[in-house]
Amino acid sequence: MAGRKSWKDVRAQAAREDPHFEDGVAAERRRRAFVHGLHGLRNARGSLQGDLAEVLGMTQANVSRIEREDNVQLGTLARYVEGLGGRLEIHAIFDDVDLVITPGRPD
C-alpha cells in the first residue's frame, strides 16, 4: 500500500518538525494516567459518579469534571478521596527521607 505511513513514521516526523512534540506527548500521558487514576479509584471502590456526587453534595457533572481535570486543587482532591471513604496523603520523597503530608482542613 504505497503512500501509507506507519504511526512510528508519523510520530518521528512530528517530533522533527516540533521540538516540543515529545514533551506534549509526555504531558498528555501524565494527564490521562491521572484521569484514569481518579476514575479507576472510584470504580475500584465500587462507586458511581452519581453516588459520589451525592456524598460530596455536588452534581454528577462536577464529579465527571474533576475526573477529567488535569490540575485538580488539593482540597478538591482530598474531598474526592474522603467521599470514597479514604484520606489523601502526599509523599515528599528525598534521597534520605520519605515524608508523608496529610492535607488537612483549617479549623
PDB file of N, CA and C in Angstrom:
ATOM      1  N   MET A   1       0.841  -1.183   0.000  1.00  0.00           N
ATOM      2  CA  MET A   1       0.000   0.000   0.000  1.00  0.00           C
ATOM      3  C   MET A   1       0.881   1.240   0.000  1.00  0.00           C
ATOM      4  N   ALA A   2       1.154   1.723  -1.162  1.00  0.00           N
ATOM      5  CA  ALA A   2       2.033   2.872  -1.315  1.00  0.00           C
ATOM      6  C   ALA A   2       1.413   4.118  -0.706  1.00  0.00           C
ATOM      7  N   GLY A   3       2.264   4.952  -0.132  1.00  0.00           N
ATOM      8  CA  GLY A   3       1.807   6.228   0.395  1.00  0.00           C
ATOM      9  C   GLY A   3       1.345   6.182   1.846  1.00  0.00           C
ATOM     10  N   ARG A   4       1.188   5.006   2.385  1.00  0.00           N
ATOM     11  CA  ARG A   4       0.743   4.903   3.785  1.00  0.00           C
ATOM     12  C   ARG A   4       1.951   4.930   4.705  1.00  0.00           C
ATOM     13  N   LYS A   5       1.832   5.675   5.787  1.00  0.00           N
ATOM     14  CA  LYS A   5       2.918   5.773   6.751  1.00  0.00           C
ATOM     15  C   LYS A   5       2.506   5.051   8.034  1.00  0.00           C
ATOM     16  N   SER A   6       3.477   4.482   8.671  1.00  0.00           N
ATOM     17  CA  SER A   6       3.210   3.864   9.965  1.00  0.00           C
ATOM     18  C   SER A   6       3.105   4.969  11.019  1.00  0.00           C
ATOM     19  N   TRP A   7       2.492   4.627  12.133  1.00  0.00           N
ATOM     20  CA  TRP A   7       2.386   5.590  13.241  1.00  0.00           C
ATOM     21  C   TRP A   7       3.787   5.999  13.693  1.00  0.00           C
ATOM     22  N   LYS A   8       4.712   5.066  13.708  1.00  0.00           N
ATOM     23  CA  LYS A   8       6.088   5.350  14.120  1.00  0.00           C
ATOM     24  C   LYS A   8       6.696   6.429  13.228  1.00  0.00           C
ATOM     25  N   ASP A   9       6.466   6.324  11.913  1.00  0.00           N
ATOM     26  CA  ASP A   9       6.991   7.318  10.971  1.00  0.00           C
ATOM     27  C   ASP A   9       6.315   8.675  11.153  1.00  0.00           C
ATOM     28  N   VAL A  10       5.001   8.668  11.366  1.00  0.00           N
ATOM     29  CA  VAL A  10       4.260   9.922  11.566  1.00  0.00           C
ATOM     30  C   VAL A  10       4.756  10.621  12.821  1.00  0.00           C
ATOM     31  N   ARG A  11       4.936   9.837  13.891  1.00  0.00           N
ATOM     32  CA  ARG A  11       5.397  10.419  15.147  1.00  0.00           C
ATOM     33  C   ARG A  11       6.817  10.969  15.009  1.00  0.00           C
ATOM     34  N   ALA A  12       7.684  10.240  14.336  1.00  0.00           N
ATOM     35  CA  ALA A  12       9.061  10.698  14.137  1.00  0.00           C
ATOM     36  C   ALA A  12       9.086  12.004  13.349  1.00  0.00           C
ATOM     37  N   GLN A  13       8.231  12.104  12.332  1.00  0.00           N
ATOM     38  CA  GLN A  13       8.167  13.328  11.539  1.00  0.00           C
ATOM     39  C   GLN A  13       7.654  14.484  12.394  1.00  0.00           C
ATOM     40  N   ALA A  14       6.629  14.246  13.183  1.00  0.00           N
ATOM     41  CA  ALA A  14       6.084  15.296  14.055  1.00  0.00           C
ATOM     42  C   ALA A  14       7.144  15.759  15.047  1.00  0.00           C
ATOM     43  N   ALA A  15       7.929  14.839  15.579  1.00  0.00           N
ATOM     44  CA  ALA A  15       8.988  15.193  16.526  1.00  0.00           C
ATOM     45  C   ALA A  15      10.078  16.024  15.844  1.00  0.00           C
ATOM     46  N   ARG A  16      10.375  15.729  14.582  1.00  0.00           N
ATOM     47  CA  ARG A  16      11.368  16.525  13.845  1.00  0.00           C
ATOM     48  C   ARG A  16      10.865  17.933  13.580  1.00  0.00           C
ATOM     49  N   GLU A  17       9.571  18.044  13.292  1.00  0.00           N
ATOM     50  CA  GLU A  17       9.001  19.342  12.944  1.00  0.00           C
ATOM     51  C   GLU A  17       8.719  20.218  14.164  1.00  0.00           C
ATOM     52  N   ASP A  18       8.492  19.601  15.309  1.00  0.00           N
ATOM     53  CA  ASP A  18       8.165  20.351  16.528  1.00  0.00           C
ATOM     54  C   ASP A  18       9.052  19.850  17.658  1.00  0.00           C
ATOM     55  N   PRO A  19      10.017  20.665  18.088  1.00  0.00           N
ATOM     56  CA  PRO A  19      10.930  20.200  19.133  1.00  0.00           C
ATOM     57  C   PRO A  19      10.226  19.925  20.472  1.00  0.00           C
ATOM     58  N   HIS A  20       9.018  20.400  20.648  1.00  0.00           N
ATOM     59  CA  HIS A  20       8.273  20.203  21.897  1.00  0.00           C
ATOM     60  C   HIS A  20       7.231  19.087  21.778  1.00  0.00           C
ATOM     61  N   PHE A  21       7.223  18.399  20.657  1.00  0.00           N
ATOM     62  CA  PHE A  21       6.220  17.360  20.422  1.00  0.00           C
ATOM     63  C   PHE A  21       6.251  16.283  21.506  1.00  0.00           C
ATOM     64  N   GLU A  22       7.426  15.738  21.786  1.00  0.00           N
ATOM     65  CA  GLU A  22       7.536  14.655  22.769  1.00  0.00           C
ATOM     66  C   GLU A  22       7.172  15.147  24.167  1.00  0.00           C
ATOM     67  N   ASP A  23       7.460  16.404  24.481  1.00  0.00           N
ATOM     68  CA  ASP A  23       7.043  16.972  25.774  1.00  0.00           C
ATOM     69  C   ASP A  23       5.519  16.982  25.867  1.00  0.00           C
ATOM     70  N   GLY A  24       4.877  17.335  24.762  1.00  0.00           N
ATOM     71  CA  GLY A  24       3.417  17.342  24.729  1.00  0.00           C
ATOM     72  C   GLY A  24       2.837  15.949  24.879  1.00  0.00           C
ATOM     73  N   VAL A  25       3.470  14.981  24.248  1.00  0.00           N
ATOM     74  CA  VAL A  25       3.027  13.585  24.366  1.00  0.00           C
ATOM     75  C   VAL A  25       3.159  13.130  25.819  1.00  0.00           C
ATOM     76  N   ALA A  26       4.277  13.445  26.448  1.00  0.00           N
ATOM     77  CA  ALA A  26       4.500  13.051  27.840  1.00  0.00           C
ATOM     78  C   ALA A  26       3.494  13.716  28.763  1.00  0.00           C
ATOM     79  N   ALA A  27       3.200  14.987  28.537  1.00  0.00           N
ATOM     80  CA  ALA A  27       2.223  15.697  29.365  1.00  0.00           C
ATOM     81  C   ALA A  27       0.838  15.080  29.221  1.00  0.00           C
ATOM     82  N   GLU A  28       0.476  14.720  28.006  1.00  0.00           N
ATOM     83  CA  GLU A  28      -0.833  14.094  27.781  1.00  0.00           C
ATOM     84  C   GLU A  28      -0.899  12.729  28.449  1.00  0.00           C
ATOM     85  N   ARG A  29       0.181  11.978  28.416  1.00  0.00           N
ATOM     86  CA  ARG A  29       0.203  10.674  29.098  1.00  0.00           C
ATOM     87  C   ARG A  29       0.023  10.848  30.599  1.00  0.00           C
ATOM     88  N   ARG A  30       0.690  11.844  31.189  1.00  0.00           N
ATOM     89  CA  ARG A  30       0.534  12.099  32.629  1.00  0.00           C
ATOM     90  C   ARG A  30      -0.899  12.495  32.942  1.00  0.00           C
ATOM     91  N   ARG A  31      -1.484  13.347  32.095  1.00  0.00           N
ATOM     92  CA  ARG A  31      -2.867  13.777  32.312  1.00  0.00           C
ATOM     93  C   ARG A  31      -3.811  12.580  32.262  1.00  0.00           C
ATOM     94  N   ARG A  32      -3.631  11.740  31.263  1.00  0.00           N
ATOM     95  CA  ARG A  32      -4.512  10.570  31.127  1.00  0.00           C
ATOM     96  C   ARG A  32      -4.327   9.595  32.282  1.00  0.00           C
ATOM     97  N   ALA A  33      -3.103   9.398  32.729  1.00  0.00           N
ATOM     98  CA  ALA A  33      -2.863   8.499  33.865  1.00  0.00           C
ATOM     99  C   ALA A  33      -3.555   9.040  35.104  1.00  0.00           C
ATOM    100  N   PHE A  34      -3.520  10.362  35.296  1.00  0.00           N
ATOM    101  CA  PHE A  34      -4.178  10.969  36.444  1.00  0.00           C
ATOM    102  C   PHE A  34      -5.686  10.804  36.337  1.00  0.00           C
ATOM    103  N   VAL A  35      -6.232  11.089  35.176  1.00  0.00           N
ATOM    104  CA  VAL A  35      -7.671  10.955  34.971  1.00  0.00           C
ATOM    105  C   VAL A  35      -8.104   9.512  35.186  1.00  0.00           C
ATOM    106  N   HIS A  36      -7.395   8.588  34.572  1.00  0.00           N
ATOM    107  CA  HIS A  36      -7.741   7.182  34.753  1.00  0.00           C
ATOM    108  C   HIS A  36      -7.534   6.774  36.192  1.00  0.00           C
ATOM    109  N   GLY A  37      -6.588   7.441  36.860  1.00  0.00           N
ATOM    110  CA  GLY A  37      -6.347   7.152  38.265  1.00  0.00           C
ATOM    111  C   GLY A  37      -7.569   7.470  39.115  1.00  0.00           C
ATOM    112  N   LEU A  38      -8.154   8.661  38.950  1.00  0.00           N
ATOM    113  CA  LEU A  38      -9.337   9.021  39.730  1.00  0.00           C
ATOM    114  C   LEU A  38     -10.527   8.159  39.338  1.00  0.00           C
ATOM    115  N   HIS A  39     -10.729   8.000  38.053  1.00  0.00           N
ATOM    116  CA  HIS A  39     -11.830   7.175  37.559  1.00  0.00           C
ATOM    117  C   HIS A  39     -11.650   5.740  38.039  1.00  0.00           C
ATOM    118  N   GLY A  40     -10.425   5.242  37.908  1.00  0.00           N
ATOM    119  CA  GLY A  40     -10.138   3.879  38.340  1.00  0.00           C
ATOM    120  C   GLY A  40     -10.280   3.713  39.838  1.00  0.00           C
ATOM    121  N   LEU A  41      -9.872   4.724  40.589  1.00  0.00           N
ATOM    122  CA  LEU A  41     -10.015   4.690  42.040  1.00  0.00           C
ATOM    123  C   LEU A  41     -11.488   4.594  42.429  1.00  0.00           C
ATOM    124  N   ARG A  42     -12.313   5.426  41.795  1.00  0.00           N
ATOM    125  CA  ARG A  42     -13.751   5.414  42.093  1.00  0.00           C
ATOM    126  C   ARG A  42     -14.354   4.062  41.738  1.00  0.00           C
ATOM    127  N   ASN A  43     -13.999   3.550  40.569  1.00  0.00           N
ATOM    128  CA  ASN A  43     -14.523   2.243  40.158  1.00  0.00           C
ATOM    129  C   ASN A  43     -14.075   1.133  41.109  1.00  0.00           C
ATOM    130  N   ALA A  44     -12.806   1.179  41.523  1.00  0.00           N
ATOM    131  CA  ALA A  44     -12.287   0.159  42.440  1.00  0.00           C
ATOM    132  C   ALA A  44     -13.014   0.191  43.775  1.00  0.00           C
ATOM    133  N   ARG A  45     -13.505   1.354  44.155  1.00  0.00           N
ATOM    134  CA  ARG A  45     -14.240   1.495  45.407  1.00  0.00           C
ATOM    135  C   ARG A  45     -15.724   1.165  45.220  1.00  0.00           C
ATOM    136  N   GLY A  46     -16.112   0.815  43.994  1.00  0.00           N
ATOM    137  CA  GLY A  46     -17.489   0.422  43.722  1.00  0.00           C
ATOM    138  C   GLY A  46     -18.478   1.564  43.760  1.00  0.00           C
ATOM    139  N   SER A  47     -17.998   2.750  43.428  1.00  0.00           N
ATOM    140  CA  SER A  47     -18.855   3.940  43.480  1.00  0.00           C
ATOM    141  C   SER A  47     -19.131   4.455  42.071  1.00  0.00           C
ATOM    142  N   LEU A  48     -20.348   4.898  41.855  1.00  0.00           N
ATOM    143  CA  LEU A  48     -20.718   5.556  40.607  1.00  0.00           C
ATOM    144  C   LEU A  48     -20.539   7.061  40.784  1.00  0.00           C
ATOM    145  N   GLN A  49     -20.381   7.780  39.671  1.00  0.00           N
ATOM    146  CA  GLN A  49     -20.238   9.233  39.755  1.00  0.00           C
ATOM    147  C   GLN A  49     -21.409   9.856  40.509  1.00  0.00           C
ATOM    148  N   GLY A  50     -22.618   9.399  40.246  1.00  0.00           N
ATOM    149  CA  GLY A  50     -23.799   9.952  40.909  1.00  0.00           C
ATOM    150  C   GLY A  50     -23.785   9.705  42.406  1.00  0.00           C
ATOM    151  N   ASP A  51     -23.328   8.513  42.814  1.00  0.00           N
ATOM    152  CA  ASP A  51     -23.235   8.199  44.240  1.00  0.00           C
ATOM    153  C   ASP A  51     -22.236   9.116  44.930  1.00  0.00           C
ATOM    154  N   LEU A  52     -21.067   9.271  44.326  1.00  0.00           N
ATOM    155  CA  LEU A  52     -20.034  10.131  44.903  1.00  0.00           C
ATOM    156  C   LEU A  52     -20.501  11.577  44.925  1.00  0.00           C
ATOM    157  N   ALA A  53     -21.180  12.004  43.883  1.00  0.00           N
ATOM    158  CA  ALA A  53     -21.699  13.368  43.832  1.00  0.00           C
ATOM    159  C   ALA A  53     -22.643  13.634  45.001  1.00  0.00           C
ATOM    160  N   GLU A  54     -23.484  12.672  45.303  1.00  0.00           N
ATOM    161  CA  GLU A  54     -24.429  12.833  46.409  1.00  0.00           C
ATOM    162  C   GLU A  54     -23.688  12.977  47.736  1.00  0.00           C
ATOM    163  N   VAL A  55     -22.677  12.156  47.951  1.00  0.00           N
ATOM    164  CA  VAL A  55     -21.880  12.226  49.180  1.00  0.00           C
ATOM    165  C   VAL A  55     -21.178  13.576  49.295  1.00  0.00           C
ATOM    166  N   LEU A  56     -20.679  14.079  48.158  1.00  0.00           N
ATOM    167  CA  LEU A  56     -19.935  15.339  48.153  1.00  0.00           C
ATOM    168  C   LEU A  56     -20.828  16.567  48.073  1.00  0.00           C
ATOM    169  N   GLY A  57     -22.126  16.367  47.864  1.00  0.00           N
ATOM    170  CA  GLY A  57     -23.035  17.500  47.756  1.00  0.00           C
ATOM    171  C   GLY A  57     -22.836  18.300  46.485  1.00  0.00           C
ATOM    172  N   MET A  58     -22.583  17.602  45.398  1.00  0.00           N
ATOM    173  CA  MET A  58     -22.400  18.270  44.103  1.00  0.00           C
ATOM    174  C   MET A  58     -23.100  17.454  43.029  1.00  0.00           C
ATOM    175  N   THR A  59     -23.045  17.925  41.819  1.00  0.00           N
ATOM    176  CA  THR A  59     -23.696  17.217  40.720  1.00  0.00           C
ATOM    177  C   THR A  59     -22.766  16.149  40.152  1.00  0.00           C
ATOM    178  N   GLN A  60     -23.372  15.195  39.471  1.00  0.00           N
ATOM    179  CA  GLN A  60     -22.602  14.158  38.788  1.00  0.00           C
ATOM    180  C   GLN A  60     -21.683  14.797  37.754  1.00  0.00           C
ATOM    181  N   ALA A  61     -22.144  15.865  37.121  1.00  0.00           N
ATOM    182  CA  ALA A  61     -21.329  16.555  36.121  1.00  0.00           C
ATOM    183  C   ALA A  61     -20.054  17.118  36.748  1.00  0.00           C
ATOM    184  N   ASN A  62     -20.142  17.600  37.990  1.00  0.00           N
ATOM    185  CA  ASN A  62     -18.950  18.118  38.660  1.00  0.00           C
ATOM    186  C   ASN A  62     -17.961  17.005  38.983  1.00  0.00           C
ATOM    187  N   VAL A  63     -18.457  15.845  39.399  1.00  0.00           N
ATOM    188  CA  VAL A  63     -17.572  14.707  39.644  1.00  0.00           C
ATOM    189  C   VAL A  63     -16.880  14.321  38.333  1.00  0.00           C
ATOM    190  N   SER A  64     -17.618  14.285  37.244  1.00  0.00           N
ATOM    191  CA  SER A  64     -17.049  13.975  35.944  1.00  0.00           C
ATOM    192  C   SER A  64     -15.975  14.996  35.572  1.00  0.00           C
ATOM    193  N   ARG A  65     -16.230  16.267  35.831  1.00  0.00           N
ATOM    194  CA  ARG A  65     -15.264  17.333  35.530  1.00  0.00           C
ATOM    195  C   ARG A  65     -13.985  17.134  36.341  1.00  0.00           C
ATOM    196  N   ILE A  66     -14.132  16.809  37.618  1.00  0.00           N
ATOM    197  CA  ILE A  66     -12.958  16.572  38.468  1.00  0.00           C
ATOM    198  C   ILE A  66     -12.127  15.432  37.893  1.00  0.00           C
ATOM    199  N   GLU A  67     -12.790  14.376  37.444  1.00  0.00           N
ATOM    200  CA  GLU A  67     -12.074  13.218  36.904  1.00  0.00           C
ATOM    201  C   GLU A  67     -11.367  13.533  35.590  1.00  0.00           C
ATOM    202  N   ARG A  68     -11.824  14.534  34.870  1.00  0.00           N
ATOM    203  CA  ARG A  68     -11.193  14.913  33.605  1.00  0.00           C
ATOM    204  C   ARG A  68     -10.166  16.018  33.772  1.00  0.00           C
ATOM    205  N   GLU A  69     -10.214  16.729  34.877  1.00  0.00           N
ATOM    206  CA  GLU A  69      -9.344  17.882  35.125  1.00  0.00           C
ATOM    207  C   GLU A  69      -7.888  17.429  35.210  1.00  0.00           C
ATOM    208  N   ASP A  70      -6.986  18.203  34.630  1.00  0.00           N
ATOM    209  CA  ASP A  70      -5.574  17.840  34.697  1.00  0.00           C
ATOM    210  C   ASP A  70      -4.831  18.582  35.794  1.00  0.00           C
ATOM    211  N   ASN A  71      -5.511  19.479  36.493  1.00  0.00           N
ATOM    212  CA  ASN A  71      -4.863  20.242  37.556  1.00  0.00           C
ATOM    213  C   ASN A  71      -5.875  20.456  38.677  1.00  0.00           C
ATOM    214  N   VAL A  72      -6.207  19.396  39.380  1.00  0.00           N
ATOM    215  CA  VAL A  72      -7.210  19.451  40.445  1.00  0.00           C
ATOM    216  C   VAL A  72      -6.591  20.089  41.677  1.00  0.00           C
ATOM    217  N   GLN A  73      -7.341  20.998  42.304  1.00  0.00           N
ATOM    218  CA  GLN A  73      -6.857  21.612  43.533  1.00  0.00           C
ATOM    219  C   GLN A  73      -6.752  20.561  44.622  1.00  0.00           C
ATOM    220  N   LEU A  74      -5.787  20.737  45.486  1.00  0.00           N
ATOM    221  CA  LEU A  74      -5.522  19.769  46.536  1.00  0.00           C
ATOM    222  C   LEU A  74      -6.736  19.544  47.431  1.00  0.00           C
ATOM    223  N   GLY A  75      -7.435  20.608  47.788  1.00  0.00           N
ATOM    224  CA  GLY A  75      -8.625  20.478  48.625  1.00  0.00           C
ATOM    225  C   GLY A  75      -9.722  19.676  47.932  1.00  0.00           C
ATOM    226  N   THR A  76      -9.890  19.888  46.648  1.00  0.00           N
ATOM    227  CA  THR A  76     -10.886  19.144  45.877  1.00  0.00           C
ATOM    228  C   THR A  76     -10.512  17.671  45.820  1.00  0.00           C
ATOM    229  N   LEU A  77      -9.242  17.400  45.588  1.00  0.00           N
ATOM    230  CA  LEU A  77      -8.774  16.022  45.532  1.00  0.00           C
ATOM    231  C   LEU A  77      -8.963  15.333  46.886  1.00  0.00           C
ATOM    232  N   ALA A  78      -8.660  16.040  47.969  1.00  0.00           N
ATOM    233  CA  ALA A  78      -8.837  15.478  49.308  1.00  0.00           C
ATOM    234  C   ALA A  78     -10.309  15.159  49.561  1.00  0.00           C
ATOM    235  N   ARG A  79     -11.210  16.060  49.192  1.00  0.00           N
ATOM    236  CA  ARG A  79     -12.653  15.817  49.361  1.00  0.00           C
ATOM    237  C   ARG A  79     -13.103  14.625  48.539  1.00  0.00           C
ATOM    238  N   TYR A  80     -12.605  14.513  47.315  1.00  0.00           N
ATOM    239  CA  TYR A  80     -12.947  13.403  46.418  1.00  0.00           C
ATOM    240  C   TYR A  80     -12.578  12.081  47.091  1.00  0.00           C
ATOM    241  N   VAL A  81     -11.356  11.994  47.587  1.00  0.00           N
ATOM    242  CA  VAL A  81     -10.885  10.768  48.227  1.00  0.00           C
ATOM    243  C   VAL A  81     -11.671  10.497  49.503  1.00  0.00           C
ATOM    244  N   GLU A  82     -11.923  11.538  50.295  1.00  0.00           N
ATOM    245  CA  GLU A  82     -12.713  11.381  51.520  1.00  0.00           C
ATOM    246  C   GLU A  82     -14.129  10.907  51.190  1.00  0.00           C
ATOM    247  N   GLY A  83     -14.680  11.390  50.078  1.00  0.00           N
ATOM    248  CA  GLY A  83     -16.012  10.971  49.659  1.00  0.00           C
ATOM    249  C   GLY A  83     -16.080   9.488  49.330  1.00  0.00           C
ATOM    250  N   LEU A  84     -14.933   8.914  48.990  1.00  0.00           N
ATOM    251  CA  LEU A  84     -14.852   7.486  48.714  1.00  0.00           C
ATOM    252  C   LEU A  84     -14.507   6.688  49.973  1.00  0.00           C
ATOM    253  N   GLY A  85     -14.354   7.411  51.093  1.00  0.00           N
ATOM    254  CA  GLY A  85     -14.074   6.739  52.362  1.00  0.00           C
ATOM    255  C   GLY A  85     -12.607   6.665  52.731  1.00  0.00           C
ATOM    256  N   GLY A  86     -11.762   7.379  51.999  1.00  0.00           N
ATOM    257  CA  GLY A  86     -10.325   7.336  52.284  1.00  0.00           C
ATOM    258  C   GLY A  86      -9.812   8.666  52.777  1.00  0.00           C
ATOM    259  N   ARG A  87      -8.520   8.780  52.833  1.00  0.00           N
ATOM    260  CA  ARG A  87      -7.878  10.055  53.159  1.00  0.00           C
ATOM    261  C   ARG A  87      -6.692  10.229  52.220  1.00  0.00           C
ATOM    262  N   LEU A  88      -6.417  11.439  51.870  1.00  0.00           N
ATOM    263  CA  LEU A  88      -5.352  11.745  50.931  1.00  0.00           C
ATOM    264  C   LEU A  88      -4.047  11.958  51.688  1.00  0.00           C
ATOM    265  N   GLU A  89      -2.998  11.314  51.235  1.00  0.00           N
ATOM    266  CA  GLU A  89      -1.659  11.555  51.744  1.00  0.00           C
ATOM    267  C   GLU A  89      -0.761  11.853  50.562  1.00  0.00           C
ATOM    268  N   ILE A  90       0.187  12.725  50.787  1.00  0.00           N
ATOM    269  CA  ILE A  90       1.151  13.078  49.759  1.00  0.00           C
ATOM    270  C   ILE A  90       2.526  12.725  50.304  1.00  0.00           C
ATOM    271  N   HIS A  91       3.347  12.127  49.478  1.00  0.00           N
ATOM    272  CA  HIS A  91       4.705  11.779  49.888  1.00  0.00           C
ATOM    273  C   HIS A  91       5.682  12.742  49.231  1.00  0.00           C
ATOM    274  N   ALA A  92       6.484  13.397  50.056  1.00  0.00           N
ATOM    275  CA  ALA A  92       7.602  14.196  49.569  1.00  0.00           C
ATOM    276  C   ALA A  92       8.833  13.301  49.697  1.00  0.00           C
ATOM    277  N   ILE A  93       9.370  12.856  48.585  1.00  0.00           N
ATOM    278  CA  ILE A  93      10.433  11.853  48.590  1.00  0.00           C
ATOM    279  C   ILE A  93      11.772  12.520  48.289  1.00  0.00           C
ATOM    280  N   PHE A  94      12.698  12.338  49.223  1.00  0.00           N
ATOM    281  CA  PHE A  94      14.059  12.847  49.089  1.00  0.00           C
ATOM    282  C   PHE A  94      15.008  11.651  49.143  1.00  0.00           C
ATOM    283  N   ASP A  95      16.262  11.884  48.867  1.00  0.00           N
ATOM    284  CA  ASP A  95      17.231  10.794  48.919  1.00  0.00           C
ATOM    285  C   ASP A  95      17.307  10.166  50.308  1.00  0.00           C
ATOM    286  N   ASP A  96      17.152  10.992  51.344  1.00  0.00           N
ATOM    287  CA  ASP A  96      17.354  10.489  52.702  1.00  0.00           C
ATOM    288  C   ASP A  96      16.077  10.289  53.512  1.00  0.00           C
ATOM    289  N   VAL A  97      14.926  10.669  52.980  1.00  0.00           N
ATOM    290  CA  VAL A  97      13.702  10.548  53.766  1.00  0.00           C
ATOM    291  C   VAL A  97      12.473  10.594  52.863  1.00  0.00           C
ATOM    292  N   ASP A  98      11.426   9.924  53.294  1.00  0.00           N
ATOM    293  CA  ASP A  98      10.124   9.944  52.625  1.00  0.00           C
ATOM    294  C   ASP A  98       9.137  10.551  53.623  1.00  0.00           C
ATOM    295  N   LEU A  99       8.747  11.792  53.397  1.00  0.00           N
ATOM    296  CA  LEU A  99       7.848  12.490  54.312  1.00  0.00           C
ATOM    297  C   LEU A  99       6.413  12.364  53.838  1.00  0.00           C
ATOM    298  N   VAL A 100       5.537  12.007  54.755  1.00  0.00           N
ATOM    299  CA  VAL A 100       4.115  11.899  54.448  1.00  0.00           C
ATOM    300  C   VAL A 100       3.448  13.194  54.868  1.00  0.00           C
ATOM    301  N   ILE A 101       2.725  13.784  53.940  1.00  0.00           N
ATOM    302  CA  ILE A 101       1.981  15.011  54.199  1.00  0.00           C
ATOM    303  C   ILE A 101       0.510  14.679  54.052  1.00  0.00           C
ATOM    304  N   THR A 102      -0.246  14.901  55.112  1.00  0.00           N
ATOM    305  CA  THR A 102      -1.689  14.661  55.050  1.00  0.00           C
ATOM    306  C   THR A 102      -2.368  16.018  55.031  1.00  0.00           C
ATOM    307  N   PRO A 103      -2.972  16.383  53.886  1.00  0.00           N
ATOM    308  CA  PRO A 103      -3.631  17.682  53.811  1.00  0.00           C
ATOM    309  C   PRO A 103      -4.797  17.725  54.799  1.00  0.00           C
ATOM    310  N   GLY A 104      -4.881  18.807  55.508  1.00  0.00           N
ATOM    311  CA  GLY A 104      -5.972  18.972  56.458  1.00  0.00           C
ATOM    312  C   GLY A 104      -6.739  20.236  56.168  1.00  0.00           C
ATOM    313  N   ARG A 105      -7.896  20.291  56.732  1.00  0.00           N
ATOM    314  CA  ARG A 105      -8.706  21.496  56.590  1.00  0.00           C
ATOM    315  C   ARG A 105      -8.475  22.371  57.798  1.00  0.00           C
ATOM    316  N   PRO A 106      -8.357  23.677  57.592  1.00  0.00           N
ATOM    317  CA  PRO A 106      -8.169  24.572  58.736  1.00  0.00           C
ATOM    318  C   PRO A 106      -9.403  24.524  59.644  1.00  0.00           C
ATOM    319  N   ASP A 107      -9.169  24.620  60.932  1.00  0.00           N
ATOM    320  CA  ASP A 107     -10.293  24.607  61.898  1.00  0.00           C
ATOM    321  C   ASP A 107     -11.032  25.915  61.891  1.00  0.00           C
TER     322      ASP A 107
END
